[in-house]
Amino acid sequence: MNRLRLAVQIIFTILTNGYAFGFINGKIYQGKSKYICVPGLNCYSCPGAVASCPIGSLQALLNQQGFTVPFGVLGFVFIFGSLLGRFVCGWLCPFGMVQDLLHKIPVFRKRKRLPYHSVLKYGKYAVLVLLVGVGSMFLFGGFAKVPAFCKYLCPSGTLFGALPLIGTNEMLQSQVGGLFFWKAGILLFLVLLSVKVYRPFCQYLCPLGAIYGWFNRFSLVQVRWEEGQCSACGACQRACPVGLSAAEISVSPECIRCGKCVEACPAKCLHFSPKKTPLQEK
């Protein structure tokens, strides 16, 4: 399961960031496919990106003068959330893959969660409301609205966008200032923290994960728990990278459908399946 998930993550990252010319020349692809969103956190400014990030697109629409409801982006997120929930986070997000790989580095004693996790996990909802929502609509730089999350926080944009562009574009190198070092500092902190704690950005700061988490209870893709077959051995909770119990797996907003619980269950009472209809449940 882990190898399959890593393979899917790598393939999806290559497909959605496959504009090699951009990496070579330090230029952003601006073709028609940029009007399309990918499901994961994939920066528009990545020189290889062939499509847009849903959070970046949402902010771009909220940054417009006046108020326009971004029906297109909201509909896109609703479709992927209804179909997959946080499966997107576990299988289709490039920055999620980076954190997975960092956590595999064999140094430090590993932790699944930070202390005060029960409070800190709401940080991603605060980011969604305050930076993506309120910040994008009411925070101004000069005479223009500011995409607050992308500008001040997003580590994916720094890793996949800013660093490759600055590394190959001399004009951008001359414009590096305090904001870049602020974003680089956030990225460095999260990189180091990811070596010890499993996916800290996903658990505590990602606004897209906050949105998809709302869909986990009723998304089509589920990790089904057959309670009658369960021996309560706890193997699934020990295997779960965020420490969810059998009853919490899949329905919890924190579950990223990684499949480690399915693989670890000796009774085979956990398995991927579509969500049952009310008729099937009867």
Protein backbone atom coordinates (compact mmCIF):
# COMPACT_ATOMS: atom_id res chain seq x y z
CA MET A 1 0.00 0.00 0.00
CA ASN A 2 2.79 2.44 0.90
CA ARG A 3 4.63 1.77 -2.34
CA LEU A 4 1.46 2.15 -4.38
CA ARG A 5 0.63 5.44 -2.67
CA LEU A 6 4.15 6.80 -3.21
CA ALA A 7 4.02 5.79 -6.87
CA VAL A 8 0.68 7.58 -7.32
CA GLN A 9 2.04 10.67 -5.55
CA ILE A 10 5.14 10.79 -7.76
CA ILE A 11 3.22 10.21 -10.99
CA PHE A 12 0.59 12.83 -10.13
CA THR A 13 3.27 15.36 -9.16
CA ILE A 14 5.07 14.83 -12.47
CA LEU A 15 1.87 15.07 -14.49
CA THR A 16 0.75 18.30 -12.82
CA ASN A 17 4.23 19.88 -12.83
CA GLY A 18 5.50 18.54 -16.13
CA TYR A 19 6.36 21.81 -17.91
CA ALA A 20 10.13 21.18 -17.95
CA PHE A 21 10.81 24.31 -20.03
CA GLY A 22 9.66 26.42 -17.09
CA PHE A 23 12.23 24.90 -14.72
CA ILE A 24 15.00 25.39 -17.28
CA ASN A 25 14.18 29.00 -18.11
CA GLY A 26 12.66 30.22 -14.87
CA LYS A 27 9.31 31.09 -16.44
CA ILE A 28 5.75 30.25 -15.41
CA TYR A 29 3.57 28.30 -17.83
CA GLN A 30 0.55 30.40 -18.80
CA GLY A 31 -1.33 28.14 -21.23
CA LYS A 32 -5.07 27.53 -21.24
CA SER A 33 -4.80 24.61 -18.81
CA LYS A 34 -3.95 27.15 -16.09
CA TYR A 35 -7.69 27.94 -15.99
CA ILE A 36 -8.18 24.42 -14.60
CA CYS A 37 -7.53 23.50 -10.95
CA VAL A 38 -5.79 20.39 -9.71
CA PRO A 39 -7.25 18.83 -6.53
CA GLY A 40 -4.16 19.25 -4.33
CA LEU A 41 -2.09 22.17 -3.08
CA ASN A 42 -0.08 22.80 -6.26
CA CYS A 43 1.29 26.33 -6.67
CA TYR A 44 0.31 28.32 -9.79
CA SER A 45 3.77 29.94 -9.67
CA CYS A 46 5.66 26.66 -9.85
CA PRO A 47 7.52 26.96 -13.19
CA GLY A 48 6.46 23.41 -14.07
CA ALA A 49 2.79 23.70 -13.06
CA VAL A 50 0.35 23.10 -15.91
CA ALA A 51 -2.77 23.89 -13.85
CA SER A 52 -3.75 25.98 -10.83
CA CYS A 53 -4.09 25.45 -7.09
CA PRO A 54 -7.70 25.64 -5.83
CA ILE A 55 -6.68 27.80 -2.86
CA GLY A 56 -4.71 30.16 -5.10
CA SER A 57 -7.61 30.33 -7.54
CA LEU A 58 -10.07 31.01 -4.73
CA GLN A 59 -7.92 33.86 -3.45
CA ALA A 60 -7.48 35.30 -6.95
CA LEU A 61 -11.26 35.55 -7.31
CA LEU A 62 -11.70 37.00 -3.82
CA ASN A 63 -9.01 39.57 -4.67
CA GLN A 64 -11.16 41.07 -7.43
CA GLN A 65 -12.70 44.48 -6.89
CA GLY A 66 -16.18 44.21 -5.45
CA PHE A 67 -17.50 40.88 -4.21
CA THR A 68 -18.05 37.96 -6.55
CA VAL A 69 -18.98 34.51 -5.27
CA PRO A 70 -16.34 32.13 -6.73
CA PHE A 71 -18.85 29.50 -7.83
CA GLY A 72 -16.44 27.77 -10.22
CA VAL A 73 -13.71 27.06 -7.68
CA LEU A 74 -16.19 26.22 -4.93
CA GLY A 75 -17.93 23.79 -7.28
CA PHE A 76 -14.61 22.17 -8.19
CA VAL A 77 -13.69 21.68 -4.53
CA PHE A 78 -17.18 20.37 -3.77
CA ILE A 79 -16.91 17.75 -6.52
CA PHE A 80 -13.50 16.48 -5.43
CA GLY A 81 -14.45 16.67 -1.77
CA SER A 82 -17.65 14.71 -2.35
CA LEU A 83 -15.84 12.06 -4.36
CA LEU A 84 -12.58 11.71 -2.45
CA GLY A 85 -12.56 13.70 0.80
CA ARG A 86 -9.03 13.88 2.21
CA PHE A 87 -7.93 11.05 -0.06
CA VAL A 88 -6.67 14.02 -2.10
CA CYS A 89 -4.33 14.93 0.76
CA GLY A 90 -3.01 11.40 1.17
CA TRP A 91 -2.55 10.48 -2.48
CA LEU A 92 -2.61 13.52 -4.78
CA CYS A 93 -0.90 16.45 -3.02
CA PRO A 94 2.75 17.19 -3.94
CA PHE A 95 3.54 18.94 -0.67
CA GLY A 96 1.96 16.08 1.25
CA MET A 97 4.37 13.73 -0.54
CA VAL A 98 7.31 15.93 0.46
CA GLN A 99 6.29 15.70 4.12
CA ASP A 100 5.85 11.92 3.84
CA LEU A 101 9.40 11.56 2.51
CA LEU A 102 10.87 13.87 5.14
CA HIS A 103 9.22 11.86 7.91
CA LYS A 104 10.95 8.72 6.64
CA ILE A 105 14.41 10.19 7.34
CA PRO A 106 15.79 7.99 10.15
CA VAL A 107 16.67 10.70 12.67
CA PHE A 108 14.84 11.93 15.78
CA ARG A 109 12.25 10.00 17.72
CA LYS A 110 9.12 10.17 15.60
CA ARG A 111 5.85 11.71 16.80
CA LYS A 112 2.42 11.42 15.27
CA ARG A 113 1.13 14.65 16.77
CA LEU A 114 2.32 17.80 18.47
CA PRO A 115 1.49 18.48 22.12
CA TYR A 116 -1.93 20.16 22.48
CA HIS A 117 -3.01 18.53 19.21
CA SER A 118 -6.67 18.78 20.20
CA VAL A 119 -6.37 22.57 20.05
CA LEU A 120 -3.71 23.02 17.37
CA LYS A 121 -5.64 20.94 14.81
CA TYR A 122 -8.08 23.84 14.49
CA GLY A 123 -5.25 26.01 13.20
CA LYS A 124 -6.01 25.02 9.61
CA TYR A 125 -9.57 26.31 9.99
CA ALA A 126 -8.22 29.60 11.36
CA VAL A 127 -5.91 29.85 8.33
CA LEU A 128 -8.83 29.14 6.00
CA VAL A 129 -11.01 31.84 7.55
CA LEU A 130 -8.43 34.50 8.43
CA LEU A 131 -5.94 34.27 5.55
CA VAL A 132 -7.78 32.67 2.63
CA GLY A 133 -11.14 34.30 3.37
CA VAL A 134 -10.95 37.49 5.42
CA GLY A 135 -7.35 38.27 4.50
CA SER A 136 -7.91 37.93 0.77
CA MET A 137 -10.99 40.17 0.81
CA PHE A 138 -9.92 42.88 3.23
CA LEU A 139 -6.10 42.96 3.39
CA PHE A 140 -4.66 45.53 0.99
CA GLY A 141 -1.14 46.16 -0.30
CA GLY A 142 -1.13 49.56 -1.97
CA PHE A 143 -4.39 49.71 -3.93
CA ALA A 144 -4.72 45.97 -4.56
CA LYS A 145 -6.07 43.20 -2.40
CA VAL A 146 -3.53 40.69 -1.11
CA PRO A 147 -3.70 36.87 -1.53
CA ALA A 148 -2.76 36.56 2.13
CA PHE A 149 -2.25 32.79 2.42
CA CYS A 150 -0.14 32.51 -0.74
CA LYS A 151 1.86 35.63 0.04
CA TYR A 152 2.60 35.17 3.72
CA LEU A 153 2.34 31.47 4.59
CA CYS A 154 2.12 28.81 1.87
CA PRO A 155 5.26 26.61 2.07
CA SER A 156 4.30 24.71 -1.07
CA GLY A 157 4.50 27.93 -3.08
CA THR A 158 7.94 28.66 -1.62
CA LEU A 159 9.28 25.18 -2.33
CA PHE A 160 7.82 24.55 -5.77
CA GLY A 161 7.45 28.15 -6.96
CA ALA A 162 9.76 30.73 -5.39
CA LEU A 163 12.93 28.64 -5.00
CA PRO A 164 13.02 27.25 -8.58
CA LEU A 165 12.16 30.65 -10.07
CA ILE A 166 14.76 32.54 -8.04
CA GLY A 167 17.34 29.86 -8.82
CA THR A 168 17.00 30.38 -12.59
CA ASN A 169 15.66 33.93 -13.05
CA GLU A 170 18.29 36.65 -12.55
CA MET A 171 15.72 39.45 -12.50
CA LEU A 172 13.92 37.83 -9.57
CA GLN A 173 17.20 37.26 -7.75
CA SER A 174 17.73 41.03 -7.62
CA GLN A 175 14.29 41.49 -6.01
CA VAL A 176 14.72 39.07 -3.12
CA GLY A 177 13.84 40.78 0.15
CA GLY A 178 12.38 40.32 3.60
CA LEU A 179 9.18 38.62 2.47
CA PHE A 180 11.12 35.86 0.72
CA PHE A 181 13.25 35.22 3.81
CA TRP A 182 10.08 35.12 5.95
CA LYS A 183 8.55 32.50 3.65
CA ALA A 184 11.84 30.58 3.44
CA GLY A 185 11.99 30.54 7.24
CA ILE A 186 8.49 29.06 7.44
CA LEU A 187 9.42 26.42 4.89
CA LEU A 188 12.64 25.54 6.73
CA PHE A 189 10.78 25.25 10.04
CA LEU A 190 8.15 22.94 8.52
CA VAL A 191 10.79 20.85 6.74
CA LEU A 192 12.65 20.24 10.01
CA LEU A 193 9.42 19.65 11.93
CA SER A 194 8.24 17.16 9.28
CA VAL A 195 11.26 14.97 9.98
CA LYS A 196 9.98 14.46 13.54
CA VAL A 197 6.18 15.03 13.35
CA TYR A 198 3.97 13.45 10.70
CA ARG A 199 2.73 16.03 8.17
CA PRO A 200 2.62 19.06 10.50
CA PHE A 201 1.45 21.42 7.75
CA CYS A 202 -1.40 19.10 6.76
CA GLN A 203 -2.47 18.55 10.36
CA TYR A 204 -2.29 22.12 11.61
CA LEU A 205 -2.10 24.74 8.83
CA CYS A 206 -3.41 23.57 5.46
CA PRO A 207 -6.66 25.34 4.47
CA LEU A 208 -7.33 22.88 1.64
CA GLY A 209 -7.13 20.00 4.09
CA ALA A 210 -9.60 21.87 6.30
CA ILE A 211 -12.07 22.06 3.41
CA TYR A 212 -11.69 18.43 2.31
CA GLY A 213 -11.94 17.30 5.93
CA TRP A 214 -15.55 18.53 6.00
CA PHE A 215 -16.39 15.99 3.29
CA ASN A 216 -14.81 12.95 4.95
CA ARG A 217 -18.02 11.65 6.53
CA PHE A 218 -19.95 11.46 3.27
CA SER A 219 -17.36 11.32 0.46
CA LEU A 220 -17.64 8.43 -2.00
CA VAL A 221 -14.23 6.97 -1.11
CA GLN A 222 -14.29 5.59 2.43
CA VAL A 223 -12.26 3.30 4.66
CA ARG A 224 -15.07 1.02 5.81
CA TRP A 225 -14.92 -0.43 9.36
CA GLU A 226 -16.78 -3.69 9.87
CA GLU A 227 -17.32 -3.36 13.60
CA GLY A 228 -18.71 -6.87 14.03
CA GLN A 229 -15.45 -8.41 12.76
CA CYS A 230 -13.20 -6.15 14.85
CA SER A 231 -11.20 -7.76 17.65
CA ALA A 232 -10.22 -4.36 19.15
CA CYS A 233 -6.52 -5.25 18.92
CA GLY A 234 -5.52 -1.64 18.27
CA ALA A 235 -3.27 -2.48 15.31
CA CYS A 236 -5.01 0.08 13.12
CA GLN A 237 -4.52 2.90 15.63
CA ARG A 238 -0.86 2.03 16.04
CA ALA A 239 -0.41 2.02 12.26
CA CYS A 240 -2.40 5.23 11.68
CA PRO A 241 0.10 8.08 11.19
CA VAL A 242 -2.17 10.49 13.07
CA GLY A 243 -3.28 8.02 15.77
CA LEU A 244 -6.96 7.58 14.89
CA SER A 245 -8.98 4.74 16.42
CA ALA A 246 -10.99 2.27 14.32
CA ALA A 247 -14.19 4.23 14.97
CA GLU A 248 -12.55 7.52 13.92
CA ILE A 249 -10.82 6.26 10.77
CA SER A 250 -12.28 7.69 7.57
CA VAL A 251 -15.05 9.73 9.24
CA SER A 252 -12.59 11.96 11.11
CA PRO A 253 -11.57 15.19 9.33
CA GLU A 254 -7.97 14.20 10.10
CA CYS A 255 -8.04 10.93 8.11
CA ILE A 256 -6.13 11.22 4.82
CA ARG A 257 -7.10 7.75 3.54
CA CYS A 258 -3.44 6.64 3.45
CA GLY A 259 -4.48 2.98 3.83
CA LYS A 260 -1.97 2.04 6.54
CA CYS A 261 -4.80 0.92 8.83
CA VAL A 262 -6.20 -1.34 6.09
CA GLU A 263 -2.81 -2.96 5.65
CA ALA A 264 -2.22 -3.40 9.39
CA CYS A 265 -5.61 -4.89 10.34
CA PRO A 266 -5.17 -8.66 11.08
CA ALA A 267 -8.94 -9.29 11.00
CA LYS A 268 -9.37 -7.51 7.64
CA CYS A 269 -12.26 -5.51 9.06
CA LEU A 270 -11.02 -2.29 7.45
CA HIS A 271 -11.15 -1.85 3.70
CA PHE A 272 -11.53 0.79 1.02
CA SER A 273 -15.03 0.92 -0.42
CA PRO A 274 -17.58 3.38 -1.81
CA LYS A 275 -19.91 4.93 0.74
CA LYS A 276 -23.05 2.87 1.25
CA THR A 277 -26.38 4.30 0.22
CA PRO A 278 -29.19 4.47 2.85
CA LEU A 279 -30.84 1.48 1.16
CA GLN A 280 -27.63 -0.57 1.40
CA GLU A 281 -27.19 0.38 5.06
CA LYS A 282 -30.67 -1.03 5.79
